[in-house]
Amino acid sequence: MAIKQKSKSLSVLNNPLKDTMIQLNVLNGNAIVSDKFDSFSEKLVTHGYQPLRSIRIEIFQLNIGKLCNQTCAHCHVDAGPDKKVENMNKADLELCLEVIKSVESIHTVDITGGAPEMNPHFRWFVSECSALGKKVINRCNLTIIVANKKYHDLPIFFKEKNVHLVSSLPYFSKSRTDSQRGDGVFEDSIKALEMLNMVGYGKEGSGYILDLVYNPSGAFLPAAQETLQAEFKRQLKRKYDIVFNSLFCITNLPISRFLDYLIESGNYGEYMQKLVDSFNPMTVDGLMCRNTISVSWDGYLYDCDFNQMLDLKVAANGKHLSEFSLKDLNEREIVLNQHCYGCTAGAGSSCGGEIA
């Protein structure tokens, strides 16, 4: 059973899973389902990785807001057009800049959402980060570029600031893309990719990087990244004359809307067991939580974007940007729970795709 696009967020639908505590209880077999699985923390102990600690902060990942022009079925952020409140204000973005300036080891600023471009301070923030000489990644859903005239110049803006684009495209066919992300998304995505290619993005030797992201369309792990990348490149070039740099395969974690889908479709127990059985200790050293700090729209600190969506704040004295302590954060123990199996299953999964 494939994931079907949602029309509204869990919070608007008043779905019990809008509560992060209920999600955590589900993952531990204490709510809605009774399925229990081997403890992820104990699994790490058996492989000599507990406690799992931060190495040092090199990537500053920021969820600039949950407002989005799409309501995707698998979205672990529960983003959508109805998320008008959850957007970072300029004061907190200025705090972000203070941290980015002061921490020498931070070389990359990774901006995500929602549709990050819908935050009114997005362009200012990108410009400031770029002026600091930091690598700027923007996680773009593509359709925002063609959604409204005020976004049509985004390809030019991205090029001027040499932003590294990581863009969602569930598949190279209309049916699979639209079923997961909404009617018309595939056609709009192709238009946006054409606009990006036109200014040089994705073209060999241009220096303007355009990477695509693939998420499975059901309760299964992604196929080998190298194989899927070759097929995506072949099909997009043949059908639409579109080029891109790399394809990132990211495992769907059992959080938010995807967790809701797993329960509704009766796939929860089987999918979780698949993640547990596919645990790969070779992925642990490359987990993104080891060198990343994740910041929420309201300025709180997390080990990763997934912990952020479950409201599992960092295990450090300073839990907010206003209390940022590099020493404490660099020495912190990573907060773990059952969803972490998703990042260590098979070839592993991070915001940059496969790990092992």
Protein backbone atom coordinates (compact mmCIF):
# COMPACT_ATOMS: atom_id res chain seq x y z
CA MET A 1 0.00 0.00 0.00
CA ALA A 2 1.51 3.31 -1.13
CA ILE A 3 1.50 6.45 0.98
CA LYS A 4 -1.34 8.74 -0.04
CA GLN A 5 -1.08 12.51 0.06
CA LYS A 6 -2.67 14.27 3.05
CA SER A 7 -4.78 17.40 2.64
CA LYS A 8 -4.22 18.78 6.13
CA SER A 9 -1.68 18.54 8.94
CA LEU A 10 -2.15 16.17 11.88
CA SER A 11 -2.64 19.13 14.19
CA VAL A 12 -5.51 20.56 12.11
CA LEU A 13 -7.09 17.11 11.87
CA ASN A 14 -6.70 16.80 15.67
CA ASN A 15 -5.01 13.44 15.14
CA PRO A 16 -3.66 12.02 18.44
CA LEU A 17 -0.23 11.73 16.81
CA LYS A 18 0.06 15.52 16.74
CA ASP A 19 1.27 15.02 20.34
CA THR A 20 4.96 14.07 20.31
CA MET A 21 4.59 12.23 23.61
CA ILE A 22 1.98 9.93 22.06
CA GLN A 23 4.34 9.30 19.13
CA LEU A 24 7.09 8.30 21.56
CA ASN A 25 4.68 6.07 23.46
CA VAL A 26 3.73 4.37 20.18
CA LEU A 27 7.40 3.79 19.32
CA ASN A 28 7.86 2.12 22.70
CA GLY A 29 4.67 0.03 22.50
CA ASN A 30 2.76 2.01 25.12
CA ALA A 31 0.01 3.65 23.04
CA ILE A 32 -2.25 2.75 20.07
CA VAL A 33 -0.10 -0.31 19.29
CA SER A 34 1.37 -2.92 21.62
CA ASP A 35 4.35 -3.87 19.44
CA LYS A 36 7.65 -3.70 21.32
CA PHE A 37 11.11 -4.04 19.79
CA ASP A 38 14.69 -4.37 20.99
CA SER A 39 15.88 -1.16 22.61
CA PHE A 40 17.98 0.93 20.24
CA SER A 41 20.13 2.15 23.12
CA GLU A 42 20.84 -1.42 24.21
CA LYS A 43 21.61 -2.38 20.62
CA LEU A 44 24.34 0.26 20.58
CA VAL A 45 25.74 -1.04 23.87
CA THR A 46 26.27 -4.46 22.33
CA HIS A 47 28.37 -2.80 19.62
CA GLY A 48 30.38 -0.61 21.99
CA TYR A 49 28.69 2.67 21.09
CA GLN A 50 26.91 3.63 24.28
CA PRO A 51 26.90 6.34 25.30
CA LEU A 52 26.85 7.82 21.82
CA ARG A 53 28.48 11.25 21.95
CA SER A 54 28.87 14.27 19.74
CA ILE A 55 32.21 14.62 17.96
CA ARG A 56 32.02 18.37 17.34
CA ILE A 57 29.56 20.74 15.72
CA GLU A 58 30.32 21.23 12.03
CA ILE A 59 26.82 21.54 10.54
CA PHE A 60 24.28 24.07 11.78
CA GLN A 61 20.88 22.80 10.64
CA LEU A 62 17.96 25.15 11.01
CA ASN A 63 14.26 24.43 10.60
CA ILE A 64 13.26 27.96 9.70
CA GLY A 65 9.54 27.17 9.86
CA LYS A 66 6.81 24.62 9.21
CA LEU A 67 4.87 26.74 6.73
CA CYS A 68 4.77 24.99 3.35
CA ASN A 69 2.85 25.18 0.08
CA GLN A 70 2.49 21.35 0.14
CA THR A 71 1.07 18.78 2.57
CA CYS A 72 3.11 15.68 1.80
CA ALA A 73 1.97 12.29 3.02
CA HIS A 74 5.29 11.17 4.49
CA CYS A 75 6.29 14.50 6.08
CA HIS A 76 7.95 14.01 9.48
CA VAL A 77 7.66 17.78 10.10
CA ASP A 78 3.84 17.79 9.67
CA ALA A 79 4.35 20.91 7.56
CA GLY A 80 1.68 22.55 5.44
CA PRO A 81 -0.15 25.75 4.42
CA ASP A 82 -1.92 25.82 7.80
CA LYS A 83 1.36 26.15 9.77
CA LYS A 84 1.36 29.95 9.80
CA VAL A 85 2.55 30.39 13.41
CA GLU A 86 5.61 28.11 13.42
CA ASN A 87 8.03 30.41 11.62
CA MET A 88 11.31 31.71 13.05
CA ASN A 89 11.39 35.42 13.82
CA LYS A 90 14.27 37.73 12.94
CA ALA A 91 15.49 38.00 16.54
CA ASP A 92 16.11 34.25 16.73
CA LEU A 93 17.67 34.25 13.26
CA GLU A 94 20.07 36.91 14.53
CA LEU A 95 20.93 34.58 17.43
CA CYS A 96 21.62 31.88 14.85
CA LEU A 97 24.02 34.19 13.05
CA GLU A 98 25.83 34.96 16.32
CA VAL A 99 26.42 31.23 16.86
CA ILE A 100 27.47 30.64 13.24
CA LYS A 101 29.97 33.52 13.48
CA SER A 102 31.40 32.47 16.84
CA VAL A 103 31.84 28.71 16.24
CA GLU A 104 34.81 28.27 13.95
CA SER A 105 34.13 24.56 13.33
CA ILE A 106 30.75 25.30 11.68
CA HIS A 107 31.40 25.14 7.95
CA THR A 108 27.84 24.45 6.69
CA VAL A 109 24.47 26.07 7.33
CA ASP A 110 21.68 23.67 6.34
CA ILE A 111 18.28 25.39 6.01
CA THR A 112 15.11 23.33 5.99
CA GLY A 113 11.36 23.65 6.64
CA GLY A 114 8.43 23.45 5.57
CA ALA A 115 9.28 25.45 2.53
CA PRO A 116 12.13 27.57 3.95
CA GLU A 117 11.65 30.19 1.24
CA MET A 118 8.25 31.13 2.73
CA ASN A 119 9.86 32.57 5.85
CA PRO A 120 9.87 36.37 5.31
CA HIS A 121 13.49 36.63 6.48
CA PHE A 122 14.82 33.74 4.34
CA ARG A 123 16.70 35.75 1.71
CA TRP A 124 18.25 38.06 4.28
CA PHE A 125 19.44 35.10 6.34
CA VAL A 126 20.89 33.25 3.34
CA SER A 127 22.70 36.42 2.27
CA GLU A 128 24.19 36.89 5.75
CA CYS A 129 25.39 33.28 5.94
CA SER A 130 26.86 33.50 2.46
CA ALA A 131 28.70 36.71 3.38
CA LEU A 132 30.31 34.83 6.28
CA GLY A 133 31.83 32.40 3.77
CA LYS A 134 29.78 29.44 4.99
CA LYS A 135 28.46 26.74 2.69
CA VAL A 136 24.69 27.22 2.54
CA ILE A 137 22.38 24.28 1.83
CA ASN A 138 18.72 24.92 1.13
CA ARG A 139 16.23 22.05 1.19
CA CYS A 140 13.78 23.09 -1.49
CA ASN A 141 10.58 21.26 -2.42
CA LEU A 142 10.92 22.63 -6.00
CA THR A 143 7.24 23.54 -6.41
CA ILE A 144 7.69 26.70 -4.34
CA ILE A 145 9.70 28.15 -7.26
CA VAL A 146 6.64 28.08 -9.54
CA ALA A 147 3.96 28.44 -6.84
CA ASN A 148 3.81 32.24 -6.95
CA LYS A 149 5.38 35.02 -9.02
CA LYS A 150 7.28 36.32 -6.01
CA TYR A 151 9.33 33.09 -5.97
CA HIS A 152 10.05 32.90 -9.72
CA ASP A 153 13.42 34.62 -9.29
CA LEU A 154 14.64 32.10 -6.70
CA PRO A 155 16.92 30.27 -9.19
CA ILE A 156 18.77 33.55 -9.83
CA PHE A 157 18.97 34.33 -6.11
CA PHE A 158 20.29 30.83 -5.35
CA LYS A 159 22.92 31.21 -8.07
CA GLU A 160 24.02 34.65 -6.84
CA LYS A 161 24.60 33.25 -3.34
CA ASN A 162 25.94 29.90 -4.66
CA VAL A 163 23.41 28.00 -2.54
CA HIS A 164 23.70 24.20 -2.62
CA LEU A 165 20.18 22.95 -3.40
CA VAL A 166 18.84 19.66 -2.06
CA SER A 167 15.44 19.15 -3.64
CA SER A 168 12.68 16.62 -3.10
CA LEU A 169 11.52 14.47 -6.00
CA PRO A 170 9.92 11.19 -4.90
CA TYR A 171 10.18 9.60 -8.34
CA PHE A 172 10.66 10.28 -12.04
CA SER A 173 7.00 9.53 -12.79
CA LYS A 174 3.89 11.69 -12.29
CA SER A 175 1.71 9.04 -10.61
CA ARG A 176 4.13 8.12 -7.81
CA THR A 177 5.15 11.71 -7.15
CA ASP A 178 1.64 13.14 -7.07
CA SER A 179 0.27 10.34 -4.87
CA GLN A 180 2.83 11.21 -2.20
CA ARG A 181 3.01 14.99 -2.58
CA GLY A 182 -0.25 16.13 -4.21
CA ASP A 183 -1.87 16.61 -7.62
CA GLY A 184 0.23 18.65 -10.03
CA VAL A 185 3.42 18.42 -7.94
CA PHE A 186 5.34 16.42 -10.52
CA GLU A 187 4.65 18.85 -13.38
CA ASP A 188 5.56 21.84 -11.21
CA SER A 189 8.72 20.06 -10.04
CA ILE A 190 9.79 19.46 -13.65
CA LYS A 191 9.18 23.15 -14.47
CA ALA A 192 11.28 24.18 -11.47
CA LEU A 193 14.10 21.80 -12.43
CA GLU A 194 14.09 23.24 -15.95
CA MET A 195 14.40 26.76 -14.49
CA LEU A 196 17.29 25.66 -12.28
CA ASN A 197 19.06 23.92 -15.15
CA MET A 198 18.63 27.07 -17.24
CA VAL A 199 20.76 29.12 -14.81
CA GLY A 200 23.38 26.36 -14.55
CA TYR A 201 22.25 24.26 -11.60
CA GLY A 202 23.02 20.57 -11.91
CA LYS A 203 25.23 21.01 -14.97
CA GLU A 204 28.64 19.38 -14.89
CA GLY A 205 31.42 21.86 -14.17
CA SER A 206 29.09 24.78 -13.36
CA GLY A 207 29.79 24.70 -9.63
CA TYR A 208 26.08 25.12 -8.88
CA ILE A 209 25.02 21.96 -7.08
CA LEU A 210 21.54 20.49 -7.43
CA ASP A 211 20.96 17.25 -5.57
CA LEU A 212 17.67 15.36 -5.47
CA VAL A 213 16.12 13.42 -2.59
CA TYR A 214 14.27 10.12 -2.90
CA ASN A 215 11.99 8.79 -0.15
CA PRO A 216 10.29 5.38 -0.57
CA SER A 217 6.59 5.56 -1.41
CA GLY A 218 5.60 2.85 1.07
CA ALA A 219 6.66 0.75 4.05
CA PHE A 220 10.00 -0.41 2.70
CA LEU A 221 13.65 0.63 2.74
CA PRO A 222 15.14 2.50 -0.22
CA ALA A 223 17.03 0.55 -2.86
CA ALA A 224 20.77 1.09 -3.33
CA GLN A 225 21.48 4.79 -3.81
CA GLU A 226 23.95 4.31 -6.66
CA THR A 227 21.46 2.20 -8.64
CA LEU A 228 18.57 4.61 -8.11
CA GLN A 229 20.75 7.60 -8.98
CA ALA A 230 21.70 6.09 -12.32
CA GLU A 231 18.05 5.38 -13.13
CA PHE A 232 16.87 8.86 -12.07
CA LYS A 233 19.58 10.47 -14.21
CA ARG A 234 18.72 8.32 -17.22
CA GLN A 235 14.97 8.85 -17.02
CA LEU A 236 15.01 12.59 -16.30
CA LYS A 237 17.51 13.22 -19.08
CA ARG A 238 15.66 11.04 -21.61
CA LYS A 239 12.16 12.31 -20.85
CA TYR A 240 12.74 15.95 -19.90
CA ASP A 241 16.40 16.78 -20.72
CA ILE A 242 16.93 17.51 -17.01
CA VAL A 243 20.28 17.02 -15.25
CA PHE A 244 21.29 17.02 -11.59
CA ASN A 245 24.35 16.16 -9.52
CA SER A 246 23.54 13.45 -6.94
CA LEU A 247 20.57 11.53 -5.60
CA PHE A 248 20.19 11.11 -1.83
CA CYS A 249 18.17 8.13 -0.60
CA ILE A 250 16.59 8.82 2.79
CA THR A 251 14.72 6.21 4.82
CA ASN A 252 11.27 7.26 6.04
CA LEU A 253 11.43 7.41 9.83
CA PRO A 254 8.38 6.32 11.88
CA ILE A 255 7.46 9.87 12.91
CA SER A 256 4.44 12.13 12.43
CA ARG A 257 2.52 11.55 9.14
CA PHE A 258 4.57 8.53 8.12
CA LEU A 259 3.92 6.97 11.53
CA ASP A 260 0.22 7.68 11.01
CA TYR A 261 0.39 5.98 7.60
CA LEU A 262 2.13 2.91 9.08
CA ILE A 263 -0.55 2.50 11.72
CA GLU A 264 -3.48 3.18 9.36
CA SER A 265 -2.18 0.72 6.76
CA GLY A 266 -1.36 -2.01 9.30
CA ASN A 267 2.33 -1.89 8.38
CA TYR A 268 3.73 -0.50 11.61
CA GLY A 269 4.93 -3.72 13.27
CA GLU A 270 6.39 -5.18 10.08
CA TYR A 271 8.18 -1.95 9.16
CA MET A 272 9.68 -1.47 12.62
CA GLN A 273 10.89 -5.07 12.67
CA LYS A 274 12.47 -4.51 9.27
CA LEU A 275 14.36 -1.49 10.64
CA VAL A 276 15.52 -3.47 13.69
CA ASP A 277 16.60 -6.47 11.63
CA SER A 278 18.46 -4.21 9.19
CA PHE A 279 20.54 -2.46 11.90
CA ASN A 280 24.04 -1.90 10.53
CA PRO A 281 26.78 -1.00 13.06
CA MET A 282 28.91 0.34 10.18
CA THR A 283 26.56 3.35 9.95
CA VAL A 284 27.05 4.59 13.53
CA ASP A 285 30.25 6.59 13.01
CA GLY A 286 28.62 8.50 10.16
CA LEU A 287 25.35 9.41 11.88
CA MET A 288 24.49 13.07 11.32
CA CYS A 289 23.80 13.64 15.02
CA ARG A 290 27.54 13.26 15.69
CA ASN A 291 28.53 16.54 13.99
CA THR A 292 25.24 18.45 13.65
CA ILE A 293 23.19 20.73 15.84
CA SER A 294 19.54 21.10 14.84
CA VAL A 295 17.61 24.27 15.69
CA SER A 296 13.82 24.54 15.74
CA TRP A 297 11.76 27.50 14.53
CA ASP A 298 11.46 28.70 18.15
CA GLY A 299 15.18 28.46 18.86
CA TYR A 300 15.51 25.18 20.78
CA LEU A 301 18.43 22.82 20.22
CA TYR A 302 18.30 19.16 19.16
CA ASP A 303 20.71 16.44 18.06
CA CYS A 304 18.97 16.06 14.69
CA ASP A 305 15.90 17.09 12.74
CA PHE A 306 14.10 13.88 13.71
CA ASN A 307 14.67 14.40 17.44
CA GLN A 308 13.41 17.93 16.90
CA MET A 309 10.09 16.65 15.55
CA LEU A 310 9.72 14.41 18.61
CA ASP A 311 10.68 17.31 20.93
CA LEU A 312 13.70 15.42 22.29
CA LYS A 313 15.92 18.37 23.19
CA VAL A 314 19.68 18.07 23.62
CA ALA A 315 21.10 16.55 26.80
CA ALA A 316 23.10 19.67 27.65
CA ASN A 317 22.76 22.59 30.06
CA GLY A 318 21.88 25.06 27.31
CA LYS A 319 18.79 23.90 25.42
CA HIS A 320 18.05 27.17 23.61
CA LEU A 321 20.02 29.42 21.27
CA SER A 322 20.07 32.08 23.98
CA GLU A 323 21.96 29.63 26.26
CA PHE A 324 24.29 28.20 23.58
CA SER A 325 27.36 26.60 25.16
CA LEU A 326 29.81 25.13 22.67
CA LYS A 327 31.72 23.19 25.33
CA ASP A 328 28.58 21.51 26.70
CA LEU A 329 27.21 20.75 23.25
CA ASN A 330 30.47 19.33 21.92
CA GLU A 331 30.65 16.96 24.89
CA ARG A 332 26.97 16.03 24.99
CA GLU A 333 25.52 12.55 24.94
CA ILE A 334 23.15 12.03 21.99
CA VAL A 335 19.48 11.51 22.92
CA LEU A 336 18.26 8.20 21.49
CA ASN A 337 14.94 6.45 21.00
CA GLN A 338 13.41 3.76 18.80
CA HIS A 339 13.09 5.96 15.71
CA CYS A 340 16.91 5.99 15.52
CA TYR A 341 16.75 2.53 13.92
CA GLY A 342 15.72 4.35 10.72
CA CYS A 343 19.11 6.04 10.38
CA THR A 344 21.08 2.84 11.00
CA ALA A 345 19.09 0.43 8.81
CA GLY A 346 20.76 -1.06 5.74
CA ALA A 347 23.18 1.43 4.18
CA GLY A 348 22.08 4.02 6.71
CA SER A 349 20.28 7.29 6.21
CA SER A 350 21.19 10.91 6.83
CA CYS A 351 20.32 14.28 5.36
CA GLY A 352 23.06 13.52 2.85
CA GLY A 353 21.69 10.10 1.91
CA GLU A 354 23.44 6.76 2.48
CA ILE A 355 26.08 6.51 5.20
CA ALA A 356 27.77 3.13 4.75
